[in-house]
């Protein structure tokens, strides 16, 4: 598996060819928090010294299935927390993560990846280019990524929280574990009604 395909799989990124802005948004932002507005209703508090990257929505295709995706995040110098709120547009139940291990967030599954990111990777992958457009350049860095994934029982709506850290290299397990521990401590998440 190439670095490009590995990072694409880890981050669940895909190219999208939407001609106009979608008529949906599953995340709202305030200066202090991001909130999901679809079936999984959560609030993610902004950590101190992170800035808010406002929500954007798009239609996408992952593994031949159509999705509606809203992305927002919190960005700091070498750390980022991304929030995706997604819906399987054809209601096929494609967002099934039961094969992944449970995480340290209740009701979330988890996966982890690290990859060196080139300028070509950053230009080709939607979320990497989104980060760059928001002033957080992923190119030339090794990115350690831990994703927390939660879906509705029918696997048609999901939330993905991605903890992303720039690290010196992907074989430095101690540095990666430390970066994830620091980011996890900053993660303040609550259910909203």
C-alpha atoms as a PDB file:
ATOM      1  CA  UNK A   1       0.000   0.000   0.000  1.00  0.00           C
ATOM      2  CA  UNK A   2       1.444   3.389  -0.949  1.00  0.00           C
ATOM      3  CA  UNK A   3       1.650   6.263   1.495  1.00  0.00           C
ATOM      4  CA  UNK A   4      -1.055   8.042  -0.480  1.00  0.00           C
ATOM      5  CA  UNK A   5      -3.459   5.104  -0.361  1.00  0.00           C
ATOM      6  CA  UNK A   6      -2.671   4.403   3.298  1.00  0.00           C
ATOM      7  CA  UNK A   7      -3.408   7.927   4.386  1.00  0.00           C
ATOM      8  CA  UNK A   8      -6.519   7.989   2.218  1.00  0.00           C
ATOM      9  CA  UNK A   9      -7.804   4.833   3.873  1.00  0.00           C
ATOM     10  CA  UNK A  10      -6.908   6.045   7.353  1.00  0.00           C
ATOM     11  CA  UNK A  11      -8.572   9.397   6.997  1.00  0.00           C
ATOM     12  CA  UNK A  12     -11.514   8.206   4.911  1.00  0.00           C
ATOM     13  CA  UNK A  13     -10.841  10.892   2.320  1.00  0.00           C
ATOM     14  CA  UNK A  14     -12.174  10.909  -1.227  1.00  0.00           C
ATOM     15  CA  UNK A  15     -12.253  13.271  -4.160  1.00  0.00           C
ATOM     16  CA  UNK A  16     -15.530  15.047  -4.776  1.00  0.00           C
ATOM     17  CA  UNK A  17     -16.844  16.842  -7.831  1.00  0.00           C
ATOM     18  CA  UNK A  18     -19.693  18.895  -6.422  1.00  0.00           C
ATOM     19  CA  UNK A  19     -20.582  21.710  -8.806  1.00  0.00           C
ATOM     20  CA  UNK A  20     -22.511  23.817  -6.272  1.00  0.00           C
ATOM     21  CA  UNK A  21     -22.493  24.193  -2.517  1.00  0.00           C
ATOM     22  CA  UNK A  22     -24.585  21.434  -0.917  1.00  0.00           C
ATOM     23  CA  UNK A  23     -27.907  22.351   0.668  1.00  0.00           C
ATOM     24  CA  UNK A  24     -27.027  20.621   3.939  1.00  0.00           C
ATOM     25  CA  UNK A  25     -24.745  21.124   6.914  1.00  0.00           C
ATOM     26  CA  UNK A  26     -24.415  18.740   9.840  1.00  0.00           C
ATOM     27  CA  UNK A  27     -22.144  20.927  12.027  1.00  0.00           C
ATOM     28  CA  UNK A  28     -22.565  24.391  13.522  1.00  0.00           C
ATOM     29  CA  UNK A  29     -19.686  26.406  14.947  1.00  0.00           C
ATOM     30  CA  UNK A  30     -19.339  29.027  17.643  1.00  0.00           C
ATOM     31  CA  UNK A  31     -16.115  30.577  18.959  1.00  0.00           C
ATOM     32  CA  UNK A  32     -16.151  27.978  21.738  1.00  0.00           C
ATOM     33  CA  UNK A  33     -17.514  24.729  20.272  1.00  0.00           C
ATOM     34  CA  UNK A  34     -18.574  22.636  17.309  1.00  0.00           C
ATOM     35  CA  UNK A  35     -21.967  20.904  17.369  1.00  0.00           C
ATOM     36  CA  UNK A  36     -23.296  18.129  15.174  1.00  0.00           C
ATOM     37  CA  UNK A  37     -26.887  18.547  14.030  1.00  0.00           C
ATOM     38  CA  UNK A  38     -27.786  15.182  12.503  1.00  0.00           C
ATOM     39  CA  UNK A  39     -28.824  11.967  14.285  1.00  0.00           C
ATOM     40  CA  UNK A  40     -25.702  11.820  16.498  1.00  0.00           C
ATOM     41  CA  UNK A  41     -25.850  15.070  18.423  1.00  0.00           C
ATOM     42  CA  UNK A  42     -22.583  15.991  20.101  1.00  0.00           C
ATOM     43  CA  UNK A  43     -20.751  19.103  21.202  1.00  0.00           C
ATOM     44  CA  UNK A  44     -16.970  19.313  20.980  1.00  0.00           C
ATOM     45  CA  UNK A  45     -15.456  22.153  23.032  1.00  0.00           C
ATOM     46  CA  UNK A  46     -12.617  24.232  21.548  1.00  0.00           C
ATOM     47  CA  UNK A  47      -9.349  23.642  23.411  1.00  0.00           C
ATOM     48  CA  UNK A  48      -7.448  26.756  24.501  1.00  0.00           C
ATOM     49  CA  UNK A  49      -4.952  28.087  21.936  1.00  0.00           C
ATOM     50  CA  UNK A  50      -6.729  26.267  19.100  1.00  0.00           C
ATOM     51  CA  UNK A  51      -8.619  28.255  16.483  1.00  0.00           C
ATOM     52  CA  UNK A  52     -11.900  27.236  14.876  1.00  0.00           C
ATOM     53  CA  UNK A  53     -11.988  26.209  11.208  1.00  0.00           C
ATOM     54  CA  UNK A  54     -15.592  26.765  10.141  1.00  0.00           C
ATOM     55  CA  UNK A  55     -17.763  23.943   8.760  1.00  0.00           C
ATOM     56  CA  UNK A  56     -17.860  23.139   5.059  1.00  0.00           C
ATOM     57  CA  UNK A  57     -20.094  20.547   3.412  1.00  0.00           C
ATOM     58  CA  UNK A  58     -19.719  18.422   0.311  1.00  0.00           C
ATOM     59  CA  UNK A  59     -21.077  15.389  -1.475  1.00  0.00           C
ATOM     60  CA  UNK A  60     -18.535  12.567  -1.664  1.00  0.00           C
ATOM     61  CA  UNK A  61     -18.192   8.926  -2.655  1.00  0.00           C
ATOM     62  CA  UNK A  62     -16.426   6.402  -0.410  1.00  0.00           C
ATOM     63  CA  UNK A  63     -16.119   2.781  -1.579  1.00  0.00           C
ATOM     64  CA  UNK A  64     -18.728   3.434  -4.317  1.00  0.00           C
ATOM     65  CA  UNK A  65     -21.293   4.733  -1.781  1.00  0.00           C
ATOM     66  CA  UNK A  66     -22.611   8.327  -1.837  1.00  0.00           C
ATOM     67  CA  UNK A  67     -22.134  10.395   1.310  1.00  0.00           C
ATOM     68  CA  UNK A  68     -23.048  13.848   2.526  1.00  0.00           C
ATOM     69  CA  UNK A  69     -20.154  15.188   4.605  1.00  0.00           C
ATOM     70  CA  UNK A  70     -19.684  18.230   6.820  1.00  0.00           C
ATOM     71  CA  UNK A  71     -16.179  18.954   8.128  1.00  0.00           C
ATOM     72  CA  UNK A  72     -14.973  21.448  10.744  1.00  0.00           C
ATOM     73  CA  UNK A  73     -12.075  21.544  13.146  1.00  0.00           C
ATOM     74  CA  UNK A  74      -9.822  23.107  15.725  1.00  0.00           C
ATOM     75  CA  UNK A  75      -6.296  23.949  14.603  1.00  0.00           C
ATOM     76  CA  UNK A  76      -3.090  24.754  16.485  1.00  0.00           C
ATOM     77  CA  UNK A  77       0.524  25.015  15.287  1.00  0.00           C
ATOM     78  CA  UNK A  78       1.321  21.296  15.074  1.00  0.00           C
ATOM     79  CA  UNK A  79      -1.939  19.721  16.268  1.00  0.00           C
ATOM     80  CA  UNK A  80      -5.454  19.516  14.840  1.00  0.00           C
ATOM     81  CA  UNK A  81      -8.789  18.063  15.877  1.00  0.00           C
ATOM     82  CA  UNK A  82     -11.184  17.453  12.996  1.00  0.00           C
ATOM     83  CA  UNK A  83     -14.888  16.712  13.267  1.00  0.00           C
ATOM     84  CA  UNK A  84     -16.788  15.012  10.453  1.00  0.00           C
ATOM     85  CA  UNK A  85     -20.556  14.542  10.557  1.00  0.00           C
ATOM     86  CA  UNK A  86     -21.686  12.311   7.714  1.00  0.00           C
ATOM     87  CA  UNK A  87     -24.765  10.664   6.242  1.00  0.00           C
ATOM     88  CA  UNK A  88     -24.866   7.712   3.839  1.00  0.00           C
ATOM     89  CA  UNK A  89     -26.944   9.290   1.079  1.00  0.00           C
ATOM     90  CA  UNK A  90     -28.364   6.027  -0.306  1.00  0.00           C
ATOM     91  CA  UNK A  91     -29.184   4.744   3.231  1.00  0.00           C
ATOM     92  CA  UNK A  92     -27.293   1.493   2.510  1.00  0.00           C
ATOM     93  CA  UNK A  93     -25.742   1.197   5.996  1.00  0.00           C
ATOM     94  CA  UNK A  94     -22.222   1.618   4.591  1.00  0.00           C
ATOM     95  CA  UNK A  95     -20.789   3.296   7.717  1.00  0.00           C
ATOM     96  CA  UNK A  96     -20.243   0.106   9.683  1.00  0.00           C
ATOM     97  CA  UNK A  97     -17.134   0.109  11.890  1.00  0.00           C
ATOM     98  CA  UNK A  98     -17.987  -2.930  14.004  1.00  0.00           C
ATOM     99  CA  UNK A  99     -14.727  -4.567  12.881  1.00  0.00           C
ATOM    100  CA  UNK A 100     -12.673  -1.847  14.610  1.00  0.00           C
ATOM    101  CA  UNK A 101     -11.700  -2.030  18.284  1.00  0.00           C
ATOM    102  CA  UNK A 102     -13.610   0.018  20.831  1.00  0.00           C
ATOM    103  CA  UNK A 103     -11.962   3.250  21.855  1.00  0.00           C
ATOM    104  CA  UNK A 104     -11.522   5.142  25.095  1.00  0.00           C
ATOM    105  CA  UNK A 105     -14.538   7.318  24.198  1.00  0.00           C
ATOM    106  CA  UNK A 106     -17.835   5.586  25.018  1.00  0.00           C
ATOM    107  CA  UNK A 107     -19.659   4.271  21.940  1.00  0.00           C
ATOM    108  CA  UNK A 108     -16.725   5.030  19.610  1.00  0.00           C
ATOM    109  CA  UNK A 109     -14.520   2.683  17.609  1.00  0.00           C
ATOM    110  CA  UNK A 110     -10.907   3.666  16.986  1.00  0.00           C
ATOM    111  CA  UNK A 111      -8.183   3.370  14.358  1.00  0.00           C
ATOM    112  CA  UNK A 112      -4.688   4.830  14.181  1.00  0.00           C
ATOM    113  CA  UNK A 113      -2.331   5.605  11.304  1.00  0.00           C
ATOM    114  CA  UNK A 114       0.885   7.494  10.691  1.00  0.00           C
ATOM    115  CA  UNK A 115       2.252   8.559   7.311  1.00  0.00           C
ATOM    116  CA  UNK A 116       4.743  10.990   5.818  1.00  0.00           C
ATOM    117  CA  UNK A 117       2.795  13.536   3.768  1.00  0.00           C
ATOM    118  CA  UNK A 118       4.145  14.988   0.534  1.00  0.00           C
ATOM    119  CA  UNK A 119       2.961  18.139  -1.209  1.00  0.00           C
ATOM    120  CA  UNK A 120       1.240  15.895  -3.777  1.00  0.00           C
ATOM    121  CA  UNK A 121      -0.623  14.042  -1.003  1.00  0.00           C
ATOM    122  CA  UNK A 122      -1.717  17.351   0.522  1.00  0.00           C
ATOM    123  CA  UNK A 123      -2.952  18.623  -2.843  1.00  0.00           C
ATOM    124  CA  UNK A 124      -4.815  15.422  -3.806  1.00  0.00           C
ATOM    125  CA  UNK A 125      -6.598  14.482  -0.577  1.00  0.00           C
ATOM    126  CA  UNK A 126      -9.671  16.562   0.283  1.00  0.00           C
ATOM    127  CA  UNK A 127      -9.134  16.902   4.025  1.00  0.00           C
ATOM    128  CA  UNK A 128      -5.402  17.501   3.713  1.00  0.00           C
ATOM    129  CA  UNK A 129      -6.007  20.305   1.215  1.00  0.00           C
ATOM    130  CA  UNK A 130      -8.792  21.612   3.497  1.00  0.00           C
ATOM    131  CA  UNK A 131      -6.251  21.809   6.330  1.00  0.00           C
ATOM    132  CA  UNK A 132      -3.802  23.671   4.062  1.00  0.00           C
ATOM    133  CA  UNK A 133      -6.501  26.136   2.965  1.00  0.00           C
ATOM    134  CA  UNK A 134      -7.110  26.862   6.653  1.00  0.00           C
ATOM    135  CA  UNK A 135      -3.433  27.654   7.267  1.00  0.00           C
ATOM    136  CA  UNK A 136      -2.386  24.254   8.675  1.00  0.00           C
ATOM    137  CA  UNK A 137       0.113  22.845   6.188  1.00  0.00           C
ATOM    138  CA  UNK A 138       0.358  19.043   6.369  1.00  0.00           C
ATOM    139  CA  UNK A 139       2.952  18.760   3.566  1.00  0.00           C
ATOM    140  CA  UNK A 140       6.472  17.775   4.542  1.00  0.00           C
ATOM    141  CA  UNK A 141       5.395  16.362   7.890  1.00  0.00           C
ATOM    142  CA  UNK A 142       4.715  12.946   9.320  1.00  0.00           C
ATOM    143  CA  UNK A 143       1.145  12.914  10.578  1.00  0.00           C
ATOM    144  CA  UNK A 144      -0.004  10.648  13.374  1.00  0.00           C
ATOM    145  CA  UNK A 145      -3.776  10.258  13.210  1.00  0.00           C
ATOM    146  CA  UNK A 146      -6.143   8.657  15.686  1.00  0.00           C
ATOM    147  CA  UNK A 147      -9.759   8.520  14.564  1.00  0.00           C
ATOM    148  CA  UNK A 148     -12.767   7.930  16.785  1.00  0.00           C
ATOM    149  CA  UNK A 149     -15.795   6.689  14.807  1.00  0.00           C
ATOM    150  CA  UNK A 150     -19.395   6.396  15.961  1.00  0.00           C
ATOM    151  CA  UNK A 151     -22.433   5.446  13.899  1.00  0.00           C
ATOM    152  CA  UNK A 152     -26.162   5.127  14.343  1.00  0.00           C
ATOM    153  CA  UNK A 153     -27.454   1.538  14.795  1.00  0.00           C
ATOM    154  CA  UNK A 154     -28.448   1.411  11.108  1.00  0.00           C
ATOM    155  CA  UNK A 155     -24.912   2.597  10.099  1.00  0.00           C
ATOM    156  CA  UNK A 156     -26.291   5.467   8.016  1.00  0.00           C
ATOM    157  CA  UNK A 157     -25.086   8.444  10.040  1.00  0.00           C
ATOM    158  CA  UNK A 158     -21.686   8.862  11.615  1.00  0.00           C
ATOM    159  CA  UNK A 159     -19.363  11.134  13.501  1.00  0.00           C
ATOM    160  CA  UNK A 160     -15.598  10.953  13.074  1.00  0.00           C
ATOM    161  CA  UNK A 161     -13.265  12.801  15.432  1.00  0.00           C
ATOM    162  CA  UNK A 162      -9.670  12.855  14.163  1.00  0.00           C
ATOM    163  CA  UNK A 163      -6.771  13.729  16.450  1.00  0.00           C
ATOM    164  CA  UNK A 164      -3.848  14.771  14.233  1.00  0.00           C
ATOM    165  CA  UNK A 165      -0.296  15.534  15.332  1.00  0.00           C
ATOM    166  CA  UNK A 166       2.799  16.438  13.360  1.00  0.00           C
ATOM    167  CA  UNK A 167       5.566  14.118  14.574  1.00  0.00           C
ATOM    168  CA  UNK A 168       9.261  13.829  13.715  1.00  0.00           C
ATOM    169  CA  UNK A 169       8.833  10.343  12.230  1.00  0.00           C
ATOM    170  CA  UNK A 170       6.320   7.506  12.233  1.00  0.00           C
ATOM    171  CA  UNK A 171       8.579   4.973  13.943  1.00  0.00           C
ATOM    172  CA  UNK A 172       8.862   7.093  17.098  1.00  0.00           C
ATOM    173  CA  UNK A 173       6.124   5.302  19.035  1.00  0.00           C
ATOM    174  CA  UNK A 174       6.810   7.173  22.281  1.00  0.00           C
ATOM    175  CA  UNK A 175       6.388  10.578  20.617  1.00  0.00           C
ATOM    176  CA  UNK A 176       3.214   9.442  18.865  1.00  0.00           C
ATOM    177  CA  UNK A 177       1.737   8.039  22.077  1.00  0.00           C
ATOM    178  CA  UNK A 178       2.586  11.283  23.887  1.00  0.00           C
ATOM    179  CA  UNK A 179       0.987  13.415  21.154  1.00  0.00           C
ATOM    180  CA  UNK A 180      -2.195  11.330  21.253  1.00  0.00           C
ATOM    181  CA  UNK A 181      -2.309  11.467  25.062  1.00  0.00           C
ATOM    182  CA  UNK A 182      -1.977  15.269  24.977  1.00  0.00           C
ATOM    183  CA  UNK A 183      -4.710  15.634  22.356  1.00  0.00           C
ATOM    184  CA  UNK A 184      -7.005  13.147  24.097  1.00  0.00           C
ATOM    185  CA  UNK A 185      -6.732  15.185  27.304  1.00  0.00           C
ATOM    186  CA  UNK A 186      -7.904  18.254  25.385  1.00  0.00           C
ATOM    187  CA  UNK A 187     -10.932  16.461  23.946  1.00  0.00           C
ATOM    188  CA  UNK A 188     -14.074  17.689  25.738  1.00  0.00           C
ATOM    189  CA  UNK A 189     -17.109  15.988  24.243  1.00  0.00           C
ATOM    190  CA  UNK A 190     -20.712  15.875  25.437  1.00  0.00           C
ATOM    191  CA  UNK A 191     -24.073  14.629  24.200  1.00  0.00           C
ATOM    192  CA  UNK A 192     -26.593  17.334  23.361  1.00  0.00           C
ATOM    193  CA  UNK A 193     -30.367  17.031  23.243  1.00  0.00           C
END
